[in-house]
Protein backbone atom coordinates (compact mmCIF):
# COMPACT_ATOMS: atom_id res chain seq x y z
CA MET A 1 2.18 -29.27 -9.96
CA SER A 2 3.63 -29.32 -13.48
CA ALA A 3 6.57 -27.25 -14.67
CA HIS A 4 4.20 -25.34 -16.95
CA GLN A 5 1.97 -24.35 -14.04
CA LEU A 6 5.00 -23.27 -12.01
CA THR A 7 6.12 -21.12 -14.92
CA LEU A 8 2.67 -19.54 -15.02
CA LEU A 9 2.82 -18.85 -11.28
CA ARG A 10 6.24 -17.24 -11.61
CA GLY A 11 5.20 -15.04 -14.52
CA LEU A 12 1.84 -14.07 -13.06
CA SER A 13 3.24 -13.27 -9.63
CA LEU A 14 5.96 -11.09 -11.20
CA LEU A 15 3.40 -9.29 -13.38
CA ALA A 16 1.12 -8.73 -10.37
CA ALA A 17 4.01 -7.39 -8.26
CA VAL A 18 5.08 -4.94 -10.97
CA PHE A 19 1.46 -3.88 -11.48
CA ALA A 20 1.03 -3.40 -7.72
CA PHE A 21 4.10 -1.15 -7.65
CA GLY A 22 2.64 0.98 -10.43
CA LEU A 23 -0.65 1.15 -8.54
CA VAL A 24 1.14 2.33 -5.38
CA MET A 25 2.77 5.09 -7.41
CA PHE A 26 -0.46 6.11 -9.12
CA GLY A 27 -2.36 6.03 -5.83
CA ALA A 28 0.22 8.38 -4.34
CA PHE A 29 -0.18 10.66 -7.35
CA VAL A 30 -3.96 10.74 -6.84
CA ARG A 31 -3.67 11.46 -3.12
CA LEU A 32 -0.93 14.08 -3.42
CA SER A 33 -2.75 15.92 -6.23
CA ASN A 34 -5.75 16.28 -3.86
CA ALA A 35 -7.95 14.11 -6.07
CA GLY A 36 -9.05 11.68 -3.35
CA LEU A 37 -12.59 13.10 -3.22
CA SER A 38 -12.83 14.08 -6.87
CA CYS A 39 -15.42 11.30 -7.30
CA PRO A 40 -17.83 11.76 -4.37
CA ASP A 41 -19.45 8.34 -4.84
CA TRP A 42 -18.07 4.79 -5.04
CA PRO A 43 -17.41 2.75 -7.15
CA THR A 44 -18.95 5.00 -9.79
CA CYS A 45 -17.87 8.58 -10.42
CA TYR A 46 -20.81 11.00 -10.29
CA GLY A 47 -23.00 7.99 -11.05
CA GLN A 48 -21.04 6.96 -14.16
CA VAL A 49 -18.81 3.98 -14.82
CA THR A 50 -16.09 6.30 -16.12
CA TRP A 51 -16.51 10.01 -15.35
CA PRO A 52 -18.60 12.88 -16.80
CA GLN A 53 -17.10 14.08 -20.07
CA HIS A 54 -19.89 15.92 -21.90
CA ALA A 55 -21.54 19.19 -20.95
CA GLN A 56 -24.91 17.57 -20.19
CA ALA A 57 -23.27 14.90 -17.99
CA VAL A 58 -21.24 17.54 -16.14
CA ALA A 59 -24.35 19.65 -15.50
CA HIS A 60 -26.17 16.58 -14.18
CA ALA A 61 -23.20 15.73 -11.94
CA ASP A 62 -23.11 19.23 -10.46
CA ALA A 63 -26.86 19.09 -9.81
CA GLU A 64 -26.63 15.67 -8.11
CA PHE A 65 -23.59 16.61 -5.98
CA PRO A 66 -23.80 20.38 -5.35
CA ALA A 67 -21.34 20.15 -2.44
CA ARG A 68 -18.69 18.65 -4.70
CA PRO A 69 -18.52 20.48 -8.07
CA TYR A 70 -17.07 18.38 -10.87
CA GLU A 71 -13.36 18.89 -11.61
CA ALA A 72 -12.41 17.11 -14.82
CA HIS A 73 -8.64 17.28 -14.25
CA LYS A 74 -9.04 15.37 -10.97
CA ALA A 75 -11.97 13.01 -11.50
CA TRP A 76 -10.26 10.95 -14.21
CA ARG A 77 -7.32 10.31 -11.88
CA GLU A 78 -9.47 8.86 -9.14
CA GLN A 79 -11.54 6.67 -11.47
CA VAL A 80 -8.53 5.41 -13.42
CA HIS A 81 -6.99 4.49 -10.07
CA ARG A 82 -10.10 2.41 -9.33
CA PHE A 83 -9.88 0.70 -12.74
CA LEU A 84 -6.24 -0.15 -12.12
CA ALA A 85 -7.08 -1.50 -8.66
CA GLY A 86 -9.80 -3.66 -10.20
CA THR A 87 -7.33 -5.01 -12.75
CA LEU A 88 -4.91 -5.92 -9.97
CA GLY A 89 -7.77 -7.68 -8.21
CA VAL A 90 -8.34 -9.84 -11.30
CA LEU A 91 -4.63 -10.69 -11.45
CA VAL A 92 -4.61 -11.67 -7.78
CA LEU A 93 -7.76 -13.77 -8.25
CA ALA A 94 -6.10 -15.62 -11.13
CA LEU A 95 -3.00 -16.14 -8.97
CA ALA A 96 -5.10 -17.50 -6.09
CA LEU A 97 -6.97 -19.90 -8.40
CA LEU A 98 -3.75 -21.14 -9.93
CA ALA A 99 -2.07 -21.61 -6.55
CA SER A 100 -5.05 -23.60 -5.25
CA ARG A 101 -5.40 -25.78 -8.35
CA ARG A 102 -6.44 -29.37 -7.62
CA ARG A 103 -7.48 -28.36 -4.12
CA ARG A 104 -11.24 -28.23 -4.63
CA GLY A 105 -12.14 -26.91 -1.18
CA THR A 106 -9.64 -24.05 -1.44
CA GLN A 107 -10.60 -23.19 -5.00
CA LEU A 108 -14.28 -23.17 -4.09
CA ALA A 109 -13.58 -20.79 -1.18
CA VAL A 110 -11.64 -18.49 -3.52
CA ILE A 111 -14.41 -18.48 -6.13
CA VAL A 112 -17.22 -17.95 -3.61
CA GLY A 113 -15.23 -15.20 -1.91
CA ALA A 114 -14.78 -13.39 -5.23
CA VAL A 115 -18.50 -13.76 -6.02
CA PHE A 116 -19.46 -12.45 -2.58
CA ALA A 117 -17.19 -9.43 -3.11
CA ALA A 118 -18.78 -8.65 -6.50
CA VAL A 119 -22.34 -9.06 -5.20
CA GLY A 120 -21.46 -6.95 -2.16
CA VAL A 121 -20.42 -4.06 -4.42
CA GLY A 122 -23.74 -4.32 -6.27
CA LEU A 123 -25.69 -4.25 -3.01
CA TYR A 124 -23.68 -1.24 -1.82
CA MET A 125 -24.59 0.65 -4.99
CA ARG A 126 -28.27 -0.11 -4.32
CA GLY A 127 -27.95 1.31 -0.80
CA GLU A 128 -28.26 -2.05 1.00
CA HIS A 129 -25.22 -1.39 3.17
CA PRO A 130 -25.78 -3.98 5.97
CA TRP A 131 -26.02 -6.86 3.51
CA SER A 132 -23.12 -5.45 1.53
CA SER A 133 -20.96 -5.32 4.67
CA LEU A 134 -21.88 -8.90 5.59
CA LEU A 135 -20.95 -10.21 2.16
CA ALA A 136 -17.70 -8.22 2.20
CA ALA A 137 -16.77 -9.76 5.56
CA CYS A 138 -17.46 -13.24 4.17
CA ALA A 139 -15.49 -12.41 1.02
CA ILE A 140 -12.46 -11.60 3.18
CA ALA A 141 -12.85 -14.52 5.57
CA LEU A 142 -13.20 -17.26 2.95
CA PRO A 143 -9.80 -16.87 1.20
CA LEU A 144 -8.19 -16.08 4.57
CA PHE A 145 -9.24 -19.41 6.09
CA ALA A 146 -8.60 -21.21 2.81
CA ALA A 147 -5.00 -19.94 2.82
CA MET A 148 -4.52 -21.18 6.37
CA ARG A 149 -5.75 -24.68 5.46
CA LEU A 150 -3.99 -24.99 2.10
CA PRO A 151 -1.51 -27.93 2.41
CA ARG A 152 1.17 -26.24 0.33
CA PRO A 153 4.29 -24.15 1.09
CA GLY A 154 4.16 -20.51 2.16
CA ALA A 155 4.31 -18.89 -1.28
CA TRP A 156 1.18 -20.79 -2.37
CA LYS A 157 -0.64 -19.80 0.81
CA ILE A 158 0.28 -16.14 0.30
CA CYS A 159 -1.20 -16.21 -3.21
CA VAL A 160 -4.58 -17.04 -1.66
CA LEU A 161 -4.09 -14.76 1.35
CA THR A 162 -3.43 -11.79 -0.94
CA LEU A 163 -6.95 -12.09 -2.33
CA ALA A 164 -8.35 -11.45 1.16
CA VAL A 165 -6.00 -8.47 1.54
CA ILE A 166 -7.02 -6.91 -1.76
CA ILE A 167 -10.75 -7.28 -1.00
CA PHE A 168 -10.21 -5.49 2.32
CA GLN A 169 -8.13 -2.92 0.45
CA ALA A 170 -11.13 -2.26 -1.81
CA MET A 171 -13.25 -1.64 1.29
CA LEU A 172 -10.66 0.83 2.56
CA GLY A 173 -10.86 2.60 -0.79
CA MET A 174 -14.62 2.85 -0.37
CA TRP A 175 -14.28 4.17 3.20
CA THR A 176 -11.70 6.70 2.03
CA VAL A 177 -14.46 8.33 -0.01
CA THR A 178 -17.47 7.76 2.25
CA LEU A 179 -15.63 8.87 5.41
CA LEU A 180 -14.23 11.95 3.67
CA LEU A 181 -10.49 11.22 3.80
CA LYS A 182 -10.47 10.16 7.45
CA PRO A 183 -6.73 9.99 8.29
CA ILE A 184 -6.77 6.51 9.85
CA VAL A 185 -8.57 5.13 6.79
CA VAL A 186 -6.30 6.90 4.30
CA THR A 187 -3.23 5.67 6.17
CA GLY A 188 -4.68 2.15 6.27
CA HIS A 189 -5.35 2.31 2.53
CA LEU A 190 -1.72 3.29 1.91
CA LEU A 191 -0.47 0.46 4.13
CA GLY A 192 -2.83 -1.96 2.38
CA GLY A 193 -1.32 -1.04 -0.96
CA ILE A 194 2.21 -1.46 0.36
CA LEU A 195 1.24 -4.78 1.98
CA THR A 196 -0.24 -6.05 -1.29
CA PHE A 197 2.93 -5.09 -3.15
CA GLY A 198 5.08 -6.70 -0.46
CA LEU A 199 3.15 -9.98 -0.49
CA LEU A 200 3.22 -10.22 -4.28
CA SER A 201 6.92 -9.35 -4.34
CA TRP A 202 7.65 -12.06 -1.79
CA VAL A 203 5.72 -14.62 -3.83
CA ALA A 204 7.60 -13.63 -6.99
CA LEU A 205 10.95 -13.88 -5.18
CA ARG A 206 10.13 -17.32 -3.75
CA PHE A 207 8.91 -18.69 -7.07
CA ALA A 208 12.11 -17.35 -8.63
CA GLY A 209 13.97 -19.79 -6.37
CA VAL A 210 15.86 -17.20 -4.31
CA ALA A 211 17.25 -18.97 -1.23
CA ALA A 212 20.16 -19.05 1.20
CA ALA A 213 23.43 -20.55 0.06
CA ASP A 214 24.84 -21.18 3.55
CA GLU A 215 24.14 -20.84 7.25
CA GLN A 216 25.94 -17.48 7.44
CA LEU A 217 23.21 -15.92 5.29
CA ALA A 218 20.53 -17.63 7.33
CA GLY A 219 21.95 -15.81 10.36
CA LEU A 220 20.86 -12.51 8.80
CA ARG A 221 17.23 -13.55 8.78
CA HIS A 222 16.14 -11.96 12.07
CA LEU A 223 18.15 -8.78 11.40
CA VAL A 224 16.50 -8.24 8.02
CA THR A 225 13.08 -9.01 9.52
CA ILE A 226 13.64 -6.26 12.09
CA GLY A 227 14.51 -3.92 9.21
CA VAL A 228 11.23 -4.78 7.45
CA VAL A 229 9.25 -4.08 10.64
CA LEU A 230 11.02 -0.75 11.21
CA LEU A 231 10.41 0.27 7.61
CA ALA A 232 6.72 -0.68 7.89
CA CYS A 233 6.39 1.54 10.97
CA GLN A 234 8.09 4.40 9.15
CA ILE A 235 5.80 3.99 6.12
CA ALA A 236 2.83 4.15 8.51
CA LEU A 237 4.25 7.39 9.96
CA GLY A 238 4.64 8.73 6.43
CA GLY A 239 1.03 7.86 5.67
CA TRP A 240 -0.11 9.56 8.87
CA THR A 241 1.93 12.64 7.95
CA SER A 242 0.40 12.79 4.48
CA SER A 243 -3.19 12.06 5.53
CA ASN A 244 -3.02 14.84 8.14
CA TYR A 245 -1.45 17.26 5.66
CA ALA A 246 1.61 17.66 7.90
CA ALA A 247 4.30 17.32 5.24
CA LEU A 248 5.02 21.07 5.31
CA ALA A 249 4.26 21.60 9.01
CA CYS A 250 7.88 22.64 9.55
CA GLY A 251 7.75 25.09 6.66
CA TYR A 252 9.82 24.89 3.50
CA GLY A 253 13.06 26.33 2.20
CA PRO A 254 15.87 27.43 4.54
CA GLY A 255 15.04 26.74 8.18
CA SER A 256 12.71 23.84 7.38
CA PHE A 257 15.38 21.13 7.67
CA PRO A 258 16.95 19.89 9.88
CA GLN A 259 15.22 22.52 12.00
CA CYS A 260 11.45 22.90 12.12
CA LEU A 261 10.03 26.39 11.51
CA GLY A 262 13.55 27.69 12.02
CA GLN A 263 13.69 26.22 15.54
CA TRP A 264 15.13 23.10 17.13
CA ALA A 265 12.18 22.89 19.53
CA PRO A 266 9.08 24.45 17.90
CA PRO A 267 5.64 24.36 19.58
CA THR A 268 4.25 20.82 19.37
CA ASP A 269 1.18 18.90 20.47
CA PHE A 270 2.00 15.19 20.30
CA ARG A 271 -1.16 14.09 22.06
CA GLU A 272 -3.47 15.81 19.60
CA GLY A 273 -1.31 14.87 16.61
CA PHE A 274 -1.70 11.14 17.24
CA VAL A 275 -5.39 10.81 18.01
CA LEU A 276 -6.19 7.91 15.69
CA TRP A 277 -9.98 8.05 15.66
CA ARG A 278 -11.98 11.24 15.28
CA GLY A 279 -15.60 11.98 14.53
CA ILE A 280 -17.50 10.67 11.51
CA GLY A 281 -19.00 13.23 9.17
CA VAL A 282 -16.04 15.60 9.31
CA ASN A 283 -14.44 16.47 5.97
CA TYR A 284 -10.71 15.91 6.54
CA GLU A 285 -9.65 17.29 3.15
CA GLY A 286 -6.88 19.78 3.85
CA GLY A 287 -6.54 18.57 7.44
CA VAL A 288 -8.21 19.64 10.68
CA LEU A 289 -5.23 19.82 13.07
CA ASP A 290 -3.54 23.01 14.23
CA MET A 291 0.09 23.74 13.42
CA ALA A 292 1.46 22.44 16.74
CA ALA A 293 -0.14 19.02 16.21
CA ARG A 294 1.05 18.83 12.60
CA SER A 295 4.57 19.83 13.63
CA ALA A 296 4.57 17.01 16.18
CA ILE A 297 3.66 14.51 13.45
CA GLN A 298 6.39 15.81 11.16
CA ILE A 299 9.03 15.67 13.91
CA VAL A 300 8.13 12.07 14.83
CA HIS A 301 8.33 11.14 11.15
CA ARG A 302 11.83 12.64 10.97
CA ILE A 303 12.95 10.82 14.11
CA GLY A 304 11.63 7.59 12.64
CA ALA A 305 13.50 8.28 9.41
CA LEU A 306 16.74 8.76 11.34
CA ILE A 307 16.28 5.46 13.20
CA VAL A 308 15.49 3.57 9.99
CA PHE A 309 18.42 5.21 8.17
CA CYS A 310 20.90 4.21 10.88
CA TYR A 311 19.61 0.65 11.19
CA LEU A 312 19.39 -0.05 7.47
CA GLY A 313 22.82 1.51 6.92
CA TRP A 314 24.25 -0.86 9.54
CA LEU A 315 22.30 -3.77 8.03
CA ALA A 316 23.79 -3.02 4.61
CA CYS A 317 27.30 -3.21 6.09
CA LYS A 318 26.42 -6.48 7.81
CA SER A 319 24.98 -7.91 4.59
CA ALA A 320 28.08 -6.96 2.63
CA ARG A 321 30.30 -8.73 5.17
CA CYS A 322 28.14 -11.85 4.74
CA GLY A 323 28.70 -11.86 0.99
CA LEU A 324 25.56 -10.04 -0.19
CA ARG A 325 27.43 -7.08 -1.65
CA GLY A 326 24.96 -6.54 -4.48
CA HIS A 327 22.02 -6.44 -2.07
CA ALA A 328 23.96 -4.14 0.26
CA ILE A 329 24.78 -1.69 -2.54
CA ALA A 330 21.16 -1.67 -3.71
CA LEU A 331 19.93 -1.10 -0.15
CA VAL A 332 22.30 1.85 0.40
CA ALA A 333 21.46 3.38 -3.00
CA VAL A 334 17.69 3.21 -2.48
CA LEU A 335 18.03 4.38 1.12
CA LEU A 336 20.04 7.46 0.14
CA CYS A 337 17.61 8.29 -2.67
CA GLN A 338 14.69 8.04 -0.23
CA VAL A 339 16.36 10.37 2.27
CA LEU A 340 17.19 12.91 -0.43
CA LEU A 341 13.63 12.79 -1.75
CA GLY A 342 12.27 13.35 1.77
CA ILE A 343 14.50 16.38 2.32
CA SER A 344 13.61 17.71 -1.14
CA ASN A 345 9.91 17.43 -0.31
CA VAL A 346 10.39 19.79 2.63
CA TYR A 347 12.90 22.13 1.07
CA PHE A 348 11.08 22.60 -2.26
CA ALA A 349 7.53 22.74 -0.84
CA LEU A 350 6.31 19.25 -1.79
CA PRO A 351 6.63 19.09 -5.61
CA LEU A 352 4.14 16.53 -6.90
CA ALA A 353 6.75 14.52 -8.82
CA VAL A 354 9.13 14.39 -5.86
CA ALA A 355 6.40 13.50 -3.36
CA THR A 356 5.11 10.72 -5.61
CA ALA A 357 8.63 9.38 -6.09
CA HIS A 358 9.07 9.40 -2.30
CA ASN A 359 6.18 6.94 -2.01
CA GLY A 360 7.54 4.77 -4.81
CA MET A 361 11.01 4.73 -3.28
CA ALA A 362 9.53 3.49 0.01
CA ALA A 363 8.06 0.54 -1.91
CA LEU A 364 11.41 -0.09 -3.61
CA LEU A 365 13.14 0.01 -0.23
CA LEU A 366 10.71 -2.64 1.00
CA PHE A 367 11.41 -4.75 -2.08
CA THR A 368 15.16 -4.48 -1.52
CA LEU A 369 14.74 -5.71 2.04
CA LEU A 370 12.47 -8.54 0.93
CA ALA A 371 14.98 -9.59 -1.73
CA THR A 372 17.66 -9.68 0.97
CA LEU A 373 15.35 -11.60 3.29
CA ALA A 374 14.61 -14.12 0.54
CA ARG A 375 18.34 -14.87 0.29
CA THR A 376 18.30 -15.95 3.94
CA GLN A 377 15.51 -18.51 3.45
CA ASN A 378 15.73 -22.20 2.76
CA ALA A 379 14.82 -23.29 -0.75
CA ALA A 380 11.04 -23.76 -1.11
CA PRO A 381 9.75 -27.03 -2.61
CA MET A 382 8.62 -26.25 -6.14
CA SER A 383 6.02 -28.98 -6.46
CA GLY A 384 3.56 -27.07 -4.29
CA GLU A 385 2.37 -30.33 -2.75
CA SER A 386 2.63 -31.23 0.90
CA GLY A 387 5.28 -33.77 1.78
């Protein structure tokens, strides 16, 4: 692979990672402003490519969807989010094609997978859901298997793998609407966005040539990996808290933190709070759990936050002793900001700006860990060809 192509990969992966971060932030803004069902159909919005803007179009939208009256201040947010997601999909497709260049079998799988995904969306819009689902499954499988068989280093494989992830992420976005904000789907959609950002960030870091300078840094590898896993679990708990509308289950203002509802042991229902799959056809907007179940979710989220805080704080000290002082300082700074934002969410009754920043800071925390992890890796061969 030529130096020019490597430069393109570096630049495109960095652009895609930054774009994915912005999309995570905007997606959080859409969800937290209760705009997740502001377009009751998918991928159109009240049957339009954009959203109804004129009086006649609004009247038609209200007549077609009487159970979901049109709200202009919300609909544009949801549809713009879809446009941004589509743009990221194009960036990832370009990245996958570039990473698989001169590997005809892999490139063909990437192209066919993208075509299947596009045709599947068209079939879904025509109501041919079985065929649409079959094509979507093929669209995910093709780049997935192509990535596994690509005879190039890990960063190149991840470029192709990310295409499969983003196609599945699009399906989760569809199910978020069609299954009426089902918590497990909404949480999965959040995790899919974070995963996409993480994969693209890792690719950008590896193409930037970040690698271990000595064996002492390589010794941190497993410790940082544990930190990434713990953070991923905590992000999943945060998604479950948000999708079940449990962020304020312990109240707000004085008595809401560190206590819950002014008590150290409030009424809780952990079993009900963590039922992952519930009935189809239920509208989960606003949540369906009672206060005891929501309090249980919030308490588990806080316990998880404490565990992650202690471990990452210790990891920062360990990293500093190994010579990664800059990474350690960044990790502590982002970690403290995330904790303060979480407490502010509870104390100030979930301000939209603070809640959105809390999601973005989780992504930044993941990036900080990935940047530290990249420093523990061996240098990747830049040719992209198998040895």
